[in-house]
Amino acid sequence: MKITVKYSGHFSSLTGKNNETVKIGENETLDRLFDILCGEYNDLAPLKGGTIYLVNGKISKKERVLTDGDEVKLFQMMAGG
């Protein structure tokens, strides 16, 4: 399956890309996709816990199973006050 991954902010800085197409196996989750990306970009690993996932424009949990052609956007959770 092919998934389009769009990076924003710090993710874009760490990968050096705004987007890319990633090949994954059937029944892979967002969590597994992030692990695959961490294998390619080691600096992403510390961001895993604070990542917000949008799949096809909708906020999704890391357990969501991806389907061919999905578009995944990664955002870093922001804190403030």
PDB file of N, CA and C in Angstrom:
ATOM      1  N   MET A   1       0.835  -1.176   0.000  1.00  0.00           N
ATOM      2  CA  MET A   1       0.000   0.000   0.000  1.00  0.00           C
ATOM      3  C   MET A   1       0.881   1.241   0.000  1.00  0.00           C
ATOM      4  N   LYS A   2       0.354   2.308  -0.558  1.00  0.00           N
ATOM      5  CA  LYS A   2       1.067   3.579  -0.556  1.00  0.00           C
ATOM      6  C   LYS A   2       0.279   4.603   0.254  1.00  0.00           C
ATOM      7  N   ILE A   3       0.982   5.266   1.150  1.00  0.00           N
ATOM      8  CA  ILE A   3       0.413   6.290   2.012  1.00  0.00           C
ATOM      9  C   ILE A   3       1.170   7.589   1.749  1.00  0.00           C
ATOM     10  N   THR A   4       0.469   8.698   1.624  1.00  0.00           N
ATOM     11  CA  THR A   4       1.123   9.998   1.517  1.00  0.00           C
ATOM     12  C   THR A   4       1.259  10.571   2.919  1.00  0.00           C
ATOM     13  N   VAL A   5       2.483  10.911   3.303  1.00  0.00           N
ATOM     14  CA  VAL A   5       2.743  11.509   4.611  1.00  0.00           C
ATOM     15  C   VAL A   5       3.119  12.966   4.389  1.00  0.00           C
ATOM     16  N   LYS A   6       2.396  13.859   5.068  1.00  0.00           N
ATOM     17  CA  LYS A   6       2.683  15.294   4.988  1.00  0.00           C
ATOM     18  C   LYS A   6       3.242  15.740   6.334  1.00  0.00           C
ATOM     19  N   TYR A   7       4.360  16.440   6.262  1.00  0.00           N
ATOM     20  CA  TYR A   7       5.042  16.901   7.467  1.00  0.00           C
ATOM     21  C   TYR A   7       4.817  18.394   7.658  1.00  0.00           C
ATOM     22  N   SER A   8       4.693  18.811   8.898  1.00  0.00           N
ATOM     23  CA  SER A   8       4.599  20.230   9.209  1.00  0.00           C
ATOM     24  C   SER A   8       5.584  20.566  10.321  1.00  0.00           C
ATOM     25  N   GLY A   9       5.903  21.841  10.434  1.00  0.00           N
ATOM     26  CA  GLY A   9       6.728  22.329  11.534  1.00  0.00           C
ATOM     27  C   GLY A   9       8.010  21.552  11.753  1.00  0.00           C
ATOM     28  N   HIS A  10       8.170  21.077  12.980  1.00  0.00           N
ATOM     29  CA  HIS A  10       9.391  20.382  13.382  1.00  0.00           C
ATOM     30  C   HIS A  10       9.605  19.090  12.588  1.00  0.00           C
ATOM     31  N   PHE A  11       8.520  18.417  12.229  1.00  0.00           N
ATOM     32  CA  PHE A  11       8.638  17.197  11.436  1.00  0.00           C
ATOM     33  C   PHE A  11       9.295  17.489  10.089  1.00  0.00           C
ATOM     34  N   SER A  12       8.883  18.575   9.481  1.00  0.00           N
ATOM     35  CA  SER A  12       9.461  18.963   8.197  1.00  0.00           C
ATOM     36  C   SER A  12      10.949  19.276   8.342  1.00  0.00           C
ATOM     37  N   SER A  13      11.304  19.956   9.423  1.00  0.00           N
ATOM     38  CA  SER A  13      12.713  20.276   9.674  1.00  0.00           C
ATOM     39  C   SER A  13      13.554  19.012   9.866  1.00  0.00           C
ATOM     40  N   LEU A  14      13.024  18.054  10.605  1.00  0.00           N
ATOM     41  CA  LEU A  14      13.786  16.842  10.914  1.00  0.00           C
ATOM     42  C   LEU A  14      13.922  15.902   9.718  1.00  0.00           C
ATOM     43  N   THR A  15      12.924  15.888   8.850  1.00  0.00           N
ATOM     44  CA  THR A  15      12.976  14.988   7.693  1.00  0.00           C
ATOM     45  C   THR A  15      13.566  15.668   6.468  1.00  0.00           C
ATOM     46  N   GLY A  16      13.533  16.993   6.452  1.00  0.00           N
ATOM     47  CA  GLY A  16      13.987  17.733   5.281  1.00  0.00           C
ATOM     48  C   GLY A  16      12.985  17.676   4.133  1.00  0.00           C
ATOM     49  N   LYS A  17      11.742  17.301   4.457  1.00  0.00           N
ATOM     50  CA  LYS A  17      10.704  17.147   3.433  1.00  0.00           C
ATOM     51  C   LYS A  17       9.397  17.766   3.901  1.00  0.00           C
ATOM     52  N   ASN A  18       8.561  18.120   2.946  1.00  0.00           N
ATOM     53  CA  ASN A  18       7.202  18.558   3.258  1.00  0.00           C
ATOM     54  C   ASN A  18       6.223  17.403   3.132  1.00  0.00           C
ATOM     55  N   ASN A  19       6.543  16.439   2.258  1.00  0.00           N
ATOM     56  CA  ASN A  19       5.698  15.260   2.087  1.00  0.00           C
ATOM     57  C   ASN A  19       6.484  14.173   1.381  1.00  0.00           C
ATOM     58  N   GLU A  20       5.955  12.969   1.462  1.00  0.00           N
ATOM     59  CA  GLU A  20       6.550  11.829   0.758  1.00  0.00           C
ATOM     60  C   GLU A  20       5.529  10.704   0.695  1.00  0.00           C
ATOM     61  N   THR A  21       5.759   9.768  -0.207  1.00  0.00           N
ATOM     62  CA  THR A  21       4.953   8.563  -0.305  1.00  0.00           C
ATOM     63  C   THR A  21       5.711   7.433   0.377  1.00  0.00           C
ATOM     64  N   VAL A  22       5.006   6.722   1.267  1.00  0.00           N
ATOM     65  CA  VAL A  22       5.614   5.636   2.033  1.00  0.00           C
ATOM     66  C   VAL A  22       4.870   4.349   1.709  1.00  0.00           C
ATOM     67  N   LYS A  23       5.615   3.297   1.434  1.00  0.00           N
ATOM     68  CA  LYS A  23       5.015   1.985   1.202  1.00  0.00           C
ATOM     69  C   LYS A  23       4.953   1.244   2.529  1.00  0.00           C
ATOM     70  N   ILE A  24       3.759   0.707   2.838  1.00  0.00           N
ATOM     71  CA  ILE A  24       3.566  -0.067   4.060  1.00  0.00           C
ATOM     72  C   ILE A  24       2.786  -1.331   3.716  1.00  0.00           C
ATOM     73  N   GLY A  25       2.772  -2.272   4.653  1.00  0.00           N
ATOM     74  CA  GLY A  25       2.022  -3.504   4.458  1.00  0.00           C
ATOM     75  C   GLY A  25       0.538  -3.320   4.746  1.00  0.00           C
ATOM     76  N   GLU A  26      -0.224  -4.347   4.450  1.00  0.00           N
ATOM     77  CA  GLU A  26      -1.661  -4.334   4.732  1.00  0.00           C
ATOM     78  C   GLU A  26      -1.891  -4.309   6.245  1.00  0.00           C
ATOM     79  N   ASN A  27      -2.986  -3.697   6.658  1.00  0.00           N
ATOM     80  CA  ASN A  27      -3.418  -3.648   8.057  1.00  0.00           C
ATOM     81  C   ASN A  27      -2.427  -2.979   9.009  1.00  0.00           C
ATOM     82  N   GLU A  28      -1.631  -2.053   8.490  1.00  0.00           N
ATOM     83  CA  GLU A  28      -0.698  -1.304   9.348  1.00  0.00           C
ATOM     84  C   GLU A  28      -1.447  -0.135   9.988  1.00  0.00           C
ATOM     85  N   THR A  29      -1.057   0.193  11.211  1.00  0.00           N
ATOM     86  CA  THR A  29      -1.679   1.280  11.955  1.00  0.00           C
ATOM     87  C   THR A  29      -0.844   2.554  11.851  1.00  0.00           C
ATOM     88  N   LEU A  30      -1.410   3.652  12.324  1.00  0.00           N
ATOM     89  CA  LEU A  30      -0.658   4.899  12.399  1.00  0.00           C
ATOM     90  C   LEU A  30       0.566   4.732  13.283  1.00  0.00           C
ATOM     91  N   ASP A  31       0.412   4.008  14.380  1.00  0.00           N
ATOM     92  CA  ASP A  31       1.529   3.771  15.287  1.00  0.00           C
ATOM     93  C   ASP A  31       2.667   3.045  14.575  1.00  0.00           C
ATOM     94  N   ARG A  32       2.342   2.058  13.792  1.00  0.00           N
ATOM     95  CA  ARG A  32       3.354   1.312  13.038  1.00  0.00           C
ATOM     96  C   ARG A  32       3.979   2.191  11.952  1.00  0.00           C
ATOM     97  N   LEU A  33       3.169   3.035  11.301  1.00  0.00           N
ATOM     98  CA  LEU A  33       3.703   3.967  10.319  1.00  0.00           C
ATOM     99  C   LEU A  33       4.750   4.870  10.964  1.00  0.00           C
ATOM    100  N   PHE A  34       4.446   5.362  12.160  1.00  0.00           N
ATOM    101  CA  PHE A  34       5.409   6.235  12.842  1.00  0.00           C
ATOM    102  C   PHE A  34       6.697   5.475  13.132  1.00  0.00           C
ATOM    103  N   ASP A  35       6.594   4.211  13.536  1.00  0.00           N
ATOM    104  CA  ASP A  35       7.797   3.395  13.766  1.00  0.00           C
ATOM    105  C   ASP A  35       8.612   3.243  12.481  1.00  0.00           C
ATOM    106  N   ILE A  36       7.935   3.052  11.365  1.00  0.00           N
ATOM    107  CA  ILE A  36       8.615   2.939  10.076  1.00  0.00           C
ATOM    108  C   ILE A  36       9.349   4.240   9.755  1.00  0.00           C
ATOM    109  N   LEU A  37       8.688   5.360   9.991  1.00  0.00           N
ATOM    110  CA  LEU A  37       9.314   6.660   9.747  1.00  0.00           C
ATOM    111  C   LEU A  37      10.511   6.885  10.666  1.00  0.00           C
ATOM    112  N   CYS A  38      10.411   6.439  11.911  1.00  0.00           N
ATOM    113  CA  CYS A  38      11.532   6.561  12.858  1.00  0.00           C
ATOM    114  C   CYS A  38      12.731   5.745  12.395  1.00  0.00           C
ATOM    115  N   GLY A  39      12.485   4.632  11.715  1.00  0.00           N
ATOM    116  CA  GLY A  39      13.575   3.837  11.160  1.00  0.00           C
ATOM    117  C   GLY A  39      14.310   4.576  10.063  1.00  0.00           C
ATOM    118  N   GLU A  40      13.602   5.457   9.378  1.00  0.00           N
ATOM    119  CA  GLU A  40      14.184   6.256   8.303  1.00  0.00           C
ATOM    120  C   GLU A  40      14.795   7.554   8.834  1.00  0.00           C
ATOM    121  N   TYR A  41      14.127   8.128   9.836  1.00  0.00           N
ATOM    122  CA  TYR A  41      14.547   9.408  10.419  1.00  0.00           C
ATOM    123  C   TYR A  41      14.635   9.241  11.934  1.00  0.00           C
ATOM    124  N   ASN A  42      15.813   8.897  12.425  1.00  0.00           N
ATOM    125  CA  ASN A  42      16.005   8.604  13.846  1.00  0.00           C
ATOM    126  C   ASN A  42      15.568   9.735  14.769  1.00  0.00           C
ATOM    127  N   ASP A  43      15.696  10.966  14.323  1.00  0.00           N
ATOM    128  CA  ASP A  43      15.375  12.113  15.171  1.00  0.00           C
ATOM    129  C   ASP A  43      13.879  12.253  15.456  1.00  0.00           C
ATOM    130  N   LEU A  44      13.028  11.505  14.773  1.00  0.00           N
ATOM    131  CA  LEU A  44      11.590  11.585  15.008  1.00  0.00           C
ATOM    132  C   LEU A  44      11.159  10.853  16.275  1.00  0.00           C
ATOM    133  N   ALA A  45      11.907   9.875  16.704  1.00  0.00           N
ATOM    134  CA  ALA A  45      11.505   9.011  17.820  1.00  0.00           C
ATOM    135  C   ALA A  45      11.058   9.774  19.066  1.00  0.00           C
ATOM    136  N   PRO A  46      11.771  10.815  19.500  1.00  0.00           N
ATOM    137  CA  PRO A  46      11.321  11.521  20.703  1.00  0.00           C
ATOM    138  C   PRO A  46       9.962  12.227  20.553  1.00  0.00           C
ATOM    139  N   LEU A  47       9.498  12.417  19.343  1.00  0.00           N
ATOM    140  CA  LEU A  47       8.231  13.109  19.110  1.00  0.00           C
ATOM    141  C   LEU A  47       7.023  12.183  19.137  1.00  0.00           C
ATOM    142  N   LYS A  48       7.253  10.889  19.210  1.00  0.00           N
ATOM    143  CA  LYS A  48       6.155   9.926  19.071  1.00  0.00           C
ATOM    144  C   LYS A  48       5.011  10.160  20.051  1.00  0.00           C
ATOM    145  N   GLY A  49       5.319  10.398  21.305  1.00  0.00           N
ATOM    146  CA  GLY A  49       4.272  10.557  22.314  1.00  0.00           C
ATOM    147  C   GLY A  49       3.429  11.802  22.160  1.00  0.00           C
ATOM    148  N   GLY A  50       3.966  12.827  21.527  1.00  0.00           N
ATOM    149  CA  GLY A  50       3.239  14.085  21.394  1.00  0.00           C
ATOM    150  C   GLY A  50       2.763  14.367  19.991  1.00  0.00           C
ATOM    151  N   THR A  51       2.583  13.323  19.203  1.00  0.00           N
ATOM    152  CA  THR A  51       2.179  13.505  17.808  1.00  0.00           C
ATOM    153  C   THR A  51       0.666  13.437  17.654  1.00  0.00           C
ATOM    154  N   ILE A  52       0.146  14.357  16.862  1.00  0.00           N
ATOM    155  CA  ILE A  52      -1.269  14.347  16.492  1.00  0.00           C
ATOM    156  C   ILE A  52      -1.328  13.886  15.034  1.00  0.00           C
ATOM    157  N   TYR A  53      -2.216  12.943  14.753  1.00  0.00           N
ATOM    158  CA  TYR A  53      -2.351  12.369  13.416  1.00  0.00           C
ATOM    159  C   TYR A  53      -3.656  12.818  12.787  1.00  0.00           C
ATOM    160  N   LEU A  54      -3.581  13.295  11.562  1.00  0.00           N
ATOM    161  CA  LEU A  54      -4.772  13.552  10.764  1.00  0.00           C
ATOM    162  C   LEU A  54      -4.729  12.606   9.579  1.00  0.00           C
ATOM    163  N   VAL A  55      -5.793  11.827   9.409  1.00  0.00           N
ATOM    164  CA  VAL A  55      -5.898  10.928   8.270  1.00  0.00           C
ATOM    165  C   VAL A  55      -7.046  11.428   7.410  1.00  0.00           C
ATOM    166  N   ASN A  56      -6.707  11.792   6.183  1.00  0.00           N
ATOM    167  CA  ASN A  56      -7.693  12.323   5.252  1.00  0.00           C
ATOM    168  C   ASN A  56      -8.470  13.488   5.873  1.00  0.00           C
ATOM    169  N   GLY A  57      -7.737  14.325   6.642  1.00  0.00           N
ATOM    170  CA  GLY A  57      -8.320  15.535   7.211  1.00  0.00           C
ATOM    171  C   GLY A  57      -9.025  15.383   8.543  1.00  0.00           C
ATOM    172  N   LYS A  58      -9.033  14.173   9.112  1.00  0.00           N
ATOM    173  CA  LYS A  58      -9.717  13.940  10.388  1.00  0.00           C
ATOM    174  C   LYS A  58      -8.736  13.439  11.434  1.00  0.00           C
ATOM    175  N   ILE A  59      -8.830  14.000  12.649  1.00  0.00           N
ATOM    176  CA  ILE A  59      -7.964  13.552  13.738  1.00  0.00           C
ATOM    177  C   ILE A  59      -8.220  12.075  13.982  1.00  0.00           C
ATOM    178  N   SER A  60      -7.131  11.313  14.116  1.00  0.00           N
ATOM    179  CA  SER A  60      -7.245   9.866  14.281  1.00  0.00           C
ATOM    180  C   SER A  60      -6.343   9.387  15.402  1.00  0.00           C
ATOM    181  N   LYS A  61      -6.747   8.298  16.012  1.00  0.00           N
ATOM    182  CA  LYS A  61      -5.939   7.674  17.059  1.00  0.00           C
ATOM    183  C   LYS A  61      -4.854   6.828  16.424  1.00  0.00           C
ATOM    184  N   LYS A  62      -3.776   6.611  17.175  1.00  0.00           N
ATOM    185  CA  LYS A  62      -2.629   5.864  16.649  1.00  0.00           C
ATOM    186  C   LYS A  62      -2.972   4.417  16.309  1.00  0.00           C
ATOM    187  N   GLU A  63      -4.083   3.902  16.810  1.00  0.00           N
ATOM    188  CA  GLU A  63      -4.499   2.521  16.535  1.00  0.00           C
ATOM    189  C   GLU A  63      -5.229   2.377  15.198  1.00  0.00           C
ATOM    190  N   ARG A  64      -5.523   3.481  14.547  1.00  0.00           N
ATOM    191  CA  ARG A  64      -6.271   3.429  13.284  1.00  0.00           C
ATOM    192  C   ARG A  64      -5.511   2.632  12.232  1.00  0.00           C
ATOM    193  N   VAL A  65      -6.213   1.739  11.558  1.00  0.00           N
ATOM    194  CA  VAL A  65      -5.633   0.954  10.470  1.00  0.00           C
ATOM    195  C   VAL A  65      -5.718   1.784   9.199  1.00  0.00           C
ATOM    196  N   LEU A  66      -4.613   1.878   8.498  1.00  0.00           N
ATOM    197  CA  LEU A  66      -4.533   2.671   7.276  1.00  0.00           C
ATOM    198  C   LEU A  66      -4.972   1.868   6.062  1.00  0.00           C
ATOM    199  N   THR A  67      -5.430   2.589   5.035  1.00  0.00           N
ATOM    200  CA  THR A  67      -5.807   1.959   3.778  1.00  0.00           C
ATOM    201  C   THR A  67      -5.041   2.613   2.638  1.00  0.00           C
ATOM    202  N   ASP A  68      -4.918   1.907   1.549  1.00  0.00           N
ATOM    203  CA  ASP A  68      -4.173   2.390   0.398  1.00  0.00           C
ATOM    204  C   ASP A  68      -4.691   3.760  -0.040  1.00  0.00           C
ATOM    205  N   GLY A  69      -3.765   4.697  -0.225  1.00  0.00           N
ATOM    206  CA  GLY A  69      -4.126   6.027  -0.694  1.00  0.00           C
ATOM    207  C   GLY A  69      -4.418   7.039   0.397  1.00  0.00           C
ATOM    208  N   ASP A  70      -4.381   6.609   1.659  1.00  0.00           N
ATOM    209  CA  ASP A  70      -4.620   7.554   2.749  1.00  0.00           C
ATOM    210  C   ASP A  70      -3.578   8.661   2.741  1.00  0.00           C
ATOM    211  N   GLU A  71      -4.003   9.836   3.210  1.00  0.00           N
ATOM    212  CA  GLU A  71      -3.097  10.960   3.397  1.00  0.00           C
ATOM    213  C   GLU A  71      -2.980  11.208   4.901  1.00  0.00           C
ATOM    214  N   VAL A  72      -1.766  11.121   5.425  1.00  0.00           N
ATOM    215  CA  VAL A  72      -1.515  11.287   6.850  1.00  0.00           C
ATOM    216  C   VAL A  72      -0.716  12.562   7.062  1.00  0.00           C
ATOM    217  N   LYS A  73      -1.232  13.435   7.931  1.00  0.00           N
ATOM    218  CA  LYS A  73      -0.502  14.642   8.311  1.00  0.00           C
ATOM    219  C   LYS A  73      -0.062  14.483   9.761  1.00  0.00           C
ATOM    220  N   LEU A  74       1.189  14.840  10.022  1.00  0.00           N
ATOM    221  CA  LEU A  74       1.746  14.737  11.366  1.00  0.00           C
ATOM    222  C   LEU A  74       1.944  16.124  11.949  1.00  0.00           C
ATOM    223  N   PHE A  75       1.462  16.312  13.168  1.00  0.00           N
ATOM    224  CA  PHE A  75       1.619  17.558  13.891  1.00  0.00           C
ATOM    225  C   PHE A  75       2.172  17.262  15.269  1.00  0.00           C
ATOM    226  N   GLN A  76       2.936  18.186  15.802  1.00  0.00           N
ATOM    227  CA  GLN A  76       3.437  18.037  17.158  1.00  0.00           C
ATOM    228  C   GLN A  76       2.467  18.733  18.104  1.00  0.00           C
ATOM    229  N   MET A  77       2.128  18.043  19.207  1.00  0.00           N
ATOM    230  CA  MET A  77       1.251  18.618  20.196  1.00  0.00           C
ATOM    231  C   MET A  77       1.919  19.833  20.815  1.00  0.00           C
ATOM    232  N   MET A  78       1.165  20.883  20.963  1.00  0.00           N
ATOM    233  CA  MET A  78       1.705  22.115  21.530  1.00  0.00           C
ATOM    234  C   MET A  78       1.203  22.291  22.956  1.00  0.00           C
ATOM    235  N   ALA A  79       2.052  22.839  23.790  1.00  0.00           N
ATOM    236  CA  ALA A  79       1.668  23.153  25.162  1.00  0.00           C
ATOM    237  C   ALA A  79       1.842  24.641  25.377  1.00  0.00           C
ATOM    238  N   GLY A  80       1.124  25.163  26.280  1.00  0.00           N
ATOM    239  CA  GLY A  80       1.260  26.586  26.538  1.00  0.00           C
ATOM    240  C   GLY A  80       0.301  27.015  27.634  1.00  0.00           C
ATOM    241  N   GLY A  81       0.339  28.269  27.882  1.00  0.00           N
ATOM    242  CA  GLY A  81      -0.559  28.741  28.928  1.00  0.00           C
ATOM    243  C   GLY A  81      -0.527  30.225  29.061  1.00  0.00           C
TER     244      GLY A  81
END
